[in-house]
Protein backbone atom coordinates (compact mmCIF):
# COMPACT_ATOMS: atom_id res chain seq x y z
CA MET A 1 -9.40 -6.96 18.59
CA MET A 2 -7.82 -5.77 15.35
CA ASN A 3 -9.58 -4.65 12.16
CA ILE A 4 -7.64 -5.26 8.95
CA VAL A 5 -8.87 -4.24 5.48
CA VAL A 6 -7.66 -5.63 2.16
CA ALA A 7 -9.01 -5.19 -1.36
CA SER A 8 -8.72 -7.49 -4.35
CA ASP A 9 -10.33 -8.91 -7.44
CA GLU A 10 -9.86 -12.49 -8.63
CA ASN A 11 -6.70 -11.62 -10.59
CA TYR A 12 -4.83 -10.64 -7.43
CA SER A 13 -6.48 -13.18 -5.12
CA ILE A 14 -3.39 -15.43 -4.95
CA HIS A 15 -1.39 -12.49 -3.60
CA MET A 16 -4.14 -11.68 -1.12
CA LEU A 17 -4.09 -15.29 0.10
CA THR A 18 -0.33 -15.07 0.48
CA LEU A 19 -0.66 -11.87 2.50
CA LEU A 20 -3.39 -13.35 4.71
CA ILE A 21 -1.27 -16.43 5.43
CA SER A 22 1.67 -14.23 6.39
CA ILE A 23 -0.61 -12.31 8.76
CA GLY A 24 -1.86 -15.53 10.34
CA GLU A 25 1.63 -16.98 10.76
CA ASN A 26 3.02 -13.89 12.47
CA ASN A 27 0.03 -12.70 14.50
CA ASN A 28 -1.22 -15.79 16.28
CA LYS A 29 -0.97 -14.06 19.67
CA VAL A 30 -3.50 -11.38 18.71
CA ASN A 31 -6.80 -12.32 20.36
CA ALA A 32 -9.07 -11.55 17.41
CA ILE A 33 -8.53 -10.22 13.89
CA ASN A 34 -11.47 -9.17 11.77
CA VAL A 35 -10.37 -9.10 8.12
CA TYR A 36 -12.64 -7.02 5.92
CA ILE A 37 -12.19 -8.02 2.28
CA PHE A 38 -13.31 -5.42 -0.22
CA ASP A 39 -14.38 -7.82 -2.93
CA GLY A 40 -13.83 -6.54 -6.45
CA GLY A 41 -14.92 -9.79 -8.08
CA ILE A 42 -13.50 -12.75 -6.17
CA ASN A 43 -15.05 -16.03 -7.28
CA ASN A 44 -16.86 -18.38 -4.92
CA SER A 45 -14.15 -21.03 -4.82
CA THR A 46 -11.54 -18.47 -3.80
CA GLN A 47 -13.86 -17.08 -1.14
CA THR A 48 -14.18 -20.59 0.27
CA LYS A 49 -10.38 -20.97 0.38
CA ILE A 50 -10.12 -17.70 2.26
CA GLN A 51 -12.81 -18.68 4.77
CA ASN A 52 -11.01 -22.00 5.29
CA LEU A 53 -7.95 -20.13 6.56
CA SER A 54 -9.85 -19.59 9.82
CA LYS A 55 -9.51 -23.32 10.48
CA LYS A 56 -5.74 -22.88 10.75
CA TYR A 57 -5.76 -19.34 12.12
CA SER A 58 -8.59 -19.49 14.63
CA ASN A 59 -8.18 -15.84 15.66
CA MET A 60 -8.99 -14.62 12.14
CA ASN A 61 -12.51 -13.89 10.93
CA PHE A 62 -13.27 -12.90 7.33
CA VAL A 63 -15.99 -10.49 6.19
CA PHE A 64 -16.60 -9.94 2.47
CA ILE A 65 -17.90 -6.55 1.33
CA GLU A 66 -18.90 -6.16 -2.30
CA MET A 67 -16.81 -3.51 -4.04
CA THR A 68 -17.43 -3.96 -7.74
CA GLU A 69 -16.41 -1.32 -10.26
CA GLU A 70 -20.07 -0.42 -10.72
CA LYS A 71 -20.62 0.07 -6.98
CA ILE A 72 -17.52 2.21 -6.56
CA TYR A 73 -18.38 4.24 -9.64
CA SER A 74 -21.84 4.96 -8.25
CA MET A 75 -20.34 6.08 -4.92
CA LEU A 76 -17.65 8.23 -6.54
CA GLY A 77 -20.01 10.02 -8.88
CA GLU A 78 -19.88 10.80 -12.56
CA SER A 79 -16.76 12.96 -12.35
CA ILE A 80 -14.39 10.01 -11.98
CA LYS A 81 -12.69 8.62 -15.07
CA LYS A 82 -14.09 5.12 -15.62
CA ASP A 83 -11.21 4.00 -17.84
CA ARG A 84 -9.04 3.24 -14.81
CA SER A 85 -9.24 0.54 -12.14
CA LEU A 86 -11.58 1.91 -9.49
CA LEU A 87 -11.00 -0.72 -6.77
CA THR A 88 -8.07 1.33 -5.48
CA PHE A 89 -10.56 4.07 -4.51
CA ALA A 90 -12.27 1.66 -2.10
CA ARG A 91 -9.87 2.87 0.61
CA ILE A 92 -11.67 6.18 0.97
CA PHE A 93 -14.86 4.35 2.01
CA ILE A 94 -13.28 2.37 4.86
CA PRO A 95 -14.78 4.61 7.60
CA GLN A 96 -18.24 3.88 6.22
CA PHE A 97 -17.95 0.10 5.91
CA VAL A 98 -15.77 -0.93 8.87
CA ASP A 99 -16.99 -0.87 12.45
CA GLY A 100 -14.94 0.26 15.41
CA ASP A 101 -12.51 3.08 16.09
CA ARG A 102 -9.51 1.80 14.10
CA ALA A 103 -8.71 -0.10 10.94
CA LEU A 104 -5.47 -1.10 9.28
CA TYR A 105 -5.51 -1.11 5.49
CA LEU A 106 -2.92 -3.28 3.71
CA ASP A 107 -2.20 -3.63 -0.02
CA VAL A 108 -2.09 -7.24 -1.20
CA ASP A 109 1.20 -7.01 -3.14
CA ALA A 110 2.93 -7.49 0.19
CA ILE A 111 3.63 -9.77 3.13
CA VAL A 112 3.63 -9.35 6.89
CA LEU A 113 6.79 -10.45 8.70
CA GLY A 114 6.03 -9.23 12.20
CA ASN A 115 3.36 -8.68 14.82
CA LEU A 116 1.03 -5.90 13.67
CA LYS A 117 -0.12 -5.03 17.19
CA SER A 118 2.66 -2.49 17.75
CA LEU A 119 1.52 -0.65 14.62
CA TYR A 120 -2.18 -0.97 15.35
CA ASP A 121 -1.80 0.47 18.87
CA LEU A 122 0.32 3.50 17.90
CA ASP A 123 -0.66 6.85 19.37
CA LEU A 124 -2.02 8.79 16.40
CA MET A 125 -1.88 12.11 18.28
CA GLY A 126 -5.39 12.99 17.14
CA LYS A 127 -4.52 12.59 13.44
CA ALA A 128 -6.95 10.94 11.01
CA ILE A 129 -4.51 8.45 9.49
CA ALA A 130 -0.93 7.25 9.80
CA GLY A 131 1.48 5.85 7.25
CA VAL A 132 5.02 5.72 5.91
CA CYS A 133 6.32 8.63 3.83
CA ASP A 134 6.44 7.65 0.17
CA THR A 135 9.35 7.71 -2.23
CA ASN A 136 7.98 9.54 -5.23
CA PRO A 137 8.76 12.84 -6.95
CA LEU A 138 8.04 16.03 -5.04
CA GLN A 139 5.97 17.20 -8.03
CA ARG A 140 3.35 14.59 -7.14
CA HIS A 141 2.93 16.26 -3.76
CA LEU A 142 2.54 19.65 -5.38
CA ASN A 143 0.08 18.27 -7.95
CA VAL A 144 -2.47 17.54 -5.20
CA GLY A 145 -2.07 20.90 -3.50
CA LEU A 146 0.53 20.11 -0.86
CA ASN A 147 3.50 22.20 0.12
CA LYS A 148 6.99 20.74 -0.18
CA ASN A 149 7.20 19.97 3.54
CA ASP A 150 3.71 18.44 3.96
CA ILE A 151 3.59 14.73 4.77
CA TYR A 152 2.76 12.48 1.81
CA ILE A 153 2.42 8.78 2.61
CA ASN A 154 2.37 5.61 0.56
CA ALA A 155 -1.22 4.35 0.62
CA GLY A 156 -0.20 0.67 0.62
CA MET A 157 -0.43 0.73 4.41
CA ILE A 158 -2.75 3.15 6.18
CA LEU A 159 -3.74 3.05 9.83
CA PHE A 160 -7.14 4.71 10.05
CA ASN A 161 -8.40 6.57 13.09
CA LEU A 162 -11.98 5.78 12.11
CA LYS A 163 -13.49 7.89 14.86
CA LYS A 164 -11.58 10.96 13.67
CA CYS A 165 -12.28 10.20 10.01
CA ARG A 166 -16.01 10.09 10.67
CA GLU A 167 -15.80 13.24 12.78
CA ILE A 168 -14.24 15.26 9.93
CA ASP A 169 -16.26 13.47 7.21
CA PHE A 170 -13.12 12.11 5.56
CA THR A 171 -15.06 10.27 2.84
CA GLY A 172 -17.10 13.34 1.96
CA MET A 173 -13.95 15.46 1.81
CA CYS A 174 -12.36 12.95 -0.57
CA LEU A 175 -15.43 12.92 -2.82
CA ASN A 176 -15.44 16.72 -2.95
CA PHE A 177 -11.72 16.72 -3.77
CA ILE A 178 -12.24 14.26 -6.62
CA LYS A 179 -15.07 16.39 -7.98
CA SER A 180 -12.96 19.54 -7.76
CA LYS A 181 -10.30 17.83 -9.90
CA ASN A 182 -12.89 16.62 -12.44
CA GLY A 183 -12.02 13.04 -11.53
CA SER A 184 -8.39 13.33 -12.64
CA ILE A 185 -6.02 13.07 -9.67
CA ASP A 186 -2.31 12.36 -9.73
CA ALA A 187 -1.85 8.92 -8.10
CA MET A 188 -5.63 8.41 -7.96
CA ASP A 189 -6.81 7.59 -4.43
CA GLN A 190 -3.32 7.96 -2.94
CA GLY A 191 -3.19 11.50 -4.27
CA THR A 192 -6.71 12.10 -3.03
CA ILE A 193 -6.03 10.92 0.52
CA ASN A 194 -2.80 12.88 0.79
CA GLY A 195 -4.27 15.96 -0.87
CA VAL A 196 -7.22 16.00 1.51
CA LEU A 197 -5.42 15.25 4.78
CA GLY A 198 -1.80 16.29 4.20
CA SER A 199 -2.63 19.96 3.79
CA LYS A 200 -4.62 19.87 7.04
CA ASP A 201 -1.81 18.26 9.08
CA MET A 202 -3.99 15.21 9.69
CA ILE A 203 -1.41 12.55 8.75
CA GLN A 204 0.96 10.94 11.25
CA ALA A 205 4.25 9.66 9.81
CA VAL A 206 5.39 6.35 11.34
CA SER A 207 8.51 4.20 11.23
CA PRO A 208 9.40 2.90 7.76
CA LYS A 209 9.46 -0.65 9.16
CA TYR A 210 5.67 -0.57 8.91
CA ASN A 211 5.74 -0.23 5.11
CA VAL A 212 9.12 -1.36 3.82
CA LEU A 213 9.25 -0.09 0.24
CA THR A 214 11.48 -1.59 -2.44
CA THR A 215 13.29 1.75 -2.64
CA PHE A 216 14.78 1.15 0.82
CA PHE A 217 16.85 -1.71 -0.58
CA GLN A 218 18.05 0.39 -3.51
CA MET A 219 18.91 3.83 -2.15
CA ASN A 220 20.08 5.41 1.08
CA SER A 221 18.40 8.47 2.56
CA ASN A 222 20.55 10.97 0.67
CA LYS A 223 19.97 9.29 -2.70
CA ILE A 224 16.22 9.16 -2.08
CA LYS A 225 16.15 12.89 -1.36
CA ARG A 226 18.29 13.66 -4.42
CA PHE A 227 16.41 11.43 -6.83
CA TYR A 228 12.90 12.46 -5.74
CA ASN A 229 13.75 16.12 -4.90
CA LEU A 230 12.58 15.70 -1.32
CA ASN A 231 13.68 18.14 1.39
CA ASN A 232 13.15 15.68 4.22
CA TYR A 233 13.03 11.92 4.56
CA TYR A 234 13.84 9.17 7.04
CA THR A 235 17.45 8.87 8.20
CA ASP A 236 19.78 6.06 7.15
CA ASP A 237 19.44 4.57 10.64
CA GLU A 238 15.65 4.49 10.34
CA ILE A 239 15.80 2.90 6.89
CA ASP A 240 18.42 0.35 7.97
CA ASN A 241 16.30 -0.59 10.99
CA ALA A 242 13.29 -1.06 8.71
CA LYS A 243 15.25 -3.44 6.50
CA ARG A 244 16.53 -5.41 9.51
CA ASN A 245 13.19 -5.53 11.32
CA PRO A 246 10.44 -5.34 8.69
CA VAL A 247 6.84 -5.67 9.85
CA PHE A 248 5.07 -5.08 6.53
CA VAL A 249 7.00 -5.55 3.28
CA HIS A 250 5.45 -3.84 0.27
CA PHE A 251 6.73 -5.08 -3.08
CA THR A 252 6.55 -1.80 -4.95
CA PRO A 253 8.01 -2.27 -8.47
CA ASN A 254 10.84 0.26 -8.25
CA PHE A 255 13.46 -0.44 -10.98
CA THR A 256 12.64 -4.15 -10.73
CA THR A 257 9.69 -6.54 -10.81
CA ARG A 258 7.65 -8.17 -8.05
CA PRO A 259 8.57 -11.59 -6.59
CA TRP A 260 6.11 -13.53 -8.76
CA ILE A 261 7.51 -12.01 -11.97
CA LYS A 262 10.74 -12.94 -13.72
CA ASN A 263 13.82 -10.73 -13.19
CA CYS A 264 12.87 -9.71 -9.65
CA LYS A 265 15.86 -8.39 -7.70
CA HIS A 266 14.07 -7.84 -4.40
CA PRO A 267 16.16 -9.35 -1.55
CA LEU A 268 13.04 -10.62 0.25
CA LYS A 269 11.42 -12.31 -2.75
CA ASP A 270 11.97 -15.74 -1.18
CA GLU A 271 10.00 -14.63 1.87
CA TYR A 272 7.03 -14.00 -0.39
CA TRP A 273 7.32 -17.50 -1.84
CA LYS A 274 7.65 -19.07 1.60
CA TYR A 275 4.15 -17.92 2.46
CA ARG A 276 2.70 -18.44 -1.00
CA GLU A 277 3.90 -22.04 -1.03
CA MET A 278 2.06 -22.65 2.26
CA TYR A 279 -1.01 -22.35 0.09
CA ASN A 280 0.37 -25.24 -2.01
CA SER A 281 1.08 -22.94 -4.91
CA LYS A 282 3.81 -24.06 -7.30
CA LYS A 283 6.56 -21.57 -7.99
CA VAL A 284 5.76 -20.48 -11.51
CA LEU A 285 6.96 -17.00 -12.47
CA ASP A 286 4.97 -14.66 -14.69
CA GLU A 287 6.63 -13.04 -17.67
CA ASP A 288 8.26 -9.65 -17.26
CA LYS A 289 5.88 -7.41 -19.23
CA ARG A 290 7.51 -4.10 -18.48
CA SER A 291 8.00 -1.82 -21.46
CA PHE A 292 11.41 -1.69 -23.14
CA LYS A 293 11.96 1.75 -21.60
CA LEU A 294 11.26 0.54 -18.05
CA LYS A 295 13.49 -2.49 -18.53
CA THR A 296 16.25 -0.21 -19.79
CA ILE A 297 15.89 2.15 -16.84
CA GLY A 298 15.98 -0.80 -14.45
CA PHE A 299 19.09 -2.22 -16.11
CA LEU A 300 20.90 1.12 -15.97
CA PHE A 301 19.99 1.64 -12.33
CA TYR A 302 21.86 -1.53 -11.37
CA HIS A 303 24.79 -1.11 -13.77
CA ILE A 304 25.91 2.53 -13.81
CA PRO A 305 26.91 4.99 -11.05
CA PHE A 306 23.94 6.60 -9.30
CA SER A 307 25.02 10.16 -10.17
CA ILE A 308 24.99 9.33 -13.89
CA PHE A 309 21.71 7.44 -13.61
CA ASN A 310 20.12 10.32 -11.73
CA PHE A 311 21.23 12.77 -14.42
CA LEU A 312 19.93 10.60 -17.27
CA VAL A 313 16.52 10.18 -15.68
CA LYS A 314 16.25 13.88 -14.89
CA VAL A 315 16.89 14.72 -18.57
CA LYS A 316 14.07 12.29 -19.52
CA LEU A 317 15.99 9.18 -20.54
């Protein structure tokens, strides 16, 4: 049996449906998949559509858990800033709401292109969580108390060792961390999770094929380290293998848009639409609402030499 956790409100429900369909299509040999849906305000008709997926994917069972802003706010405490979306913080409560010894959390701005069993069964070496090292500035690591060589993962895919998380009171540690920062944490729950566990060597880094970030299609290993000031990162061979054999593709908006938005340059955008159209959704693209500055940065990234682009960004283009 496999426990998968996703979180969404109604606005992102179409992407969640797309993700769930991609899971069903590529994991039909898994005996049983319990999908825990942290419900941030999904309407009844959408819930029915999700439940109906079990008619096609008989190994999938769906469990809805209410995760409204009010509920999360009450669990986080008064220190958290309420002017930001709080649903993202639902991840830190997974050990409390999901049964069993393991759970795989997946962001919904993504698709699954392979069997998740190899990821789910990884040896976590006694660590609390596992994930793929993120591509973001080193300063973000330092901002949450990590050293430059501590592991910092992208929270769009997290494999939870629930037994270990409960043993160390992971949720309580996160709540204390949030309180210590007066509710203001760089990268919100991602910063919280990494800040709490990274400094304690409780994070296992896994192959980048298990969370294929948009950056992998834009930069090689050396450019990633130069641009983000990272001392260590995956090798070119590891990144190339991830692109050739992706299991979980995460459409992070790095110098481009996501597949459902105009001007997307992601090479796997058609894969997203393949699964979305299985839901009988017409291909209608949303407008590109990035700021002028972000559009300019994206344009320059694709049209000028990397060394010049890197310099311009570093001097605050």
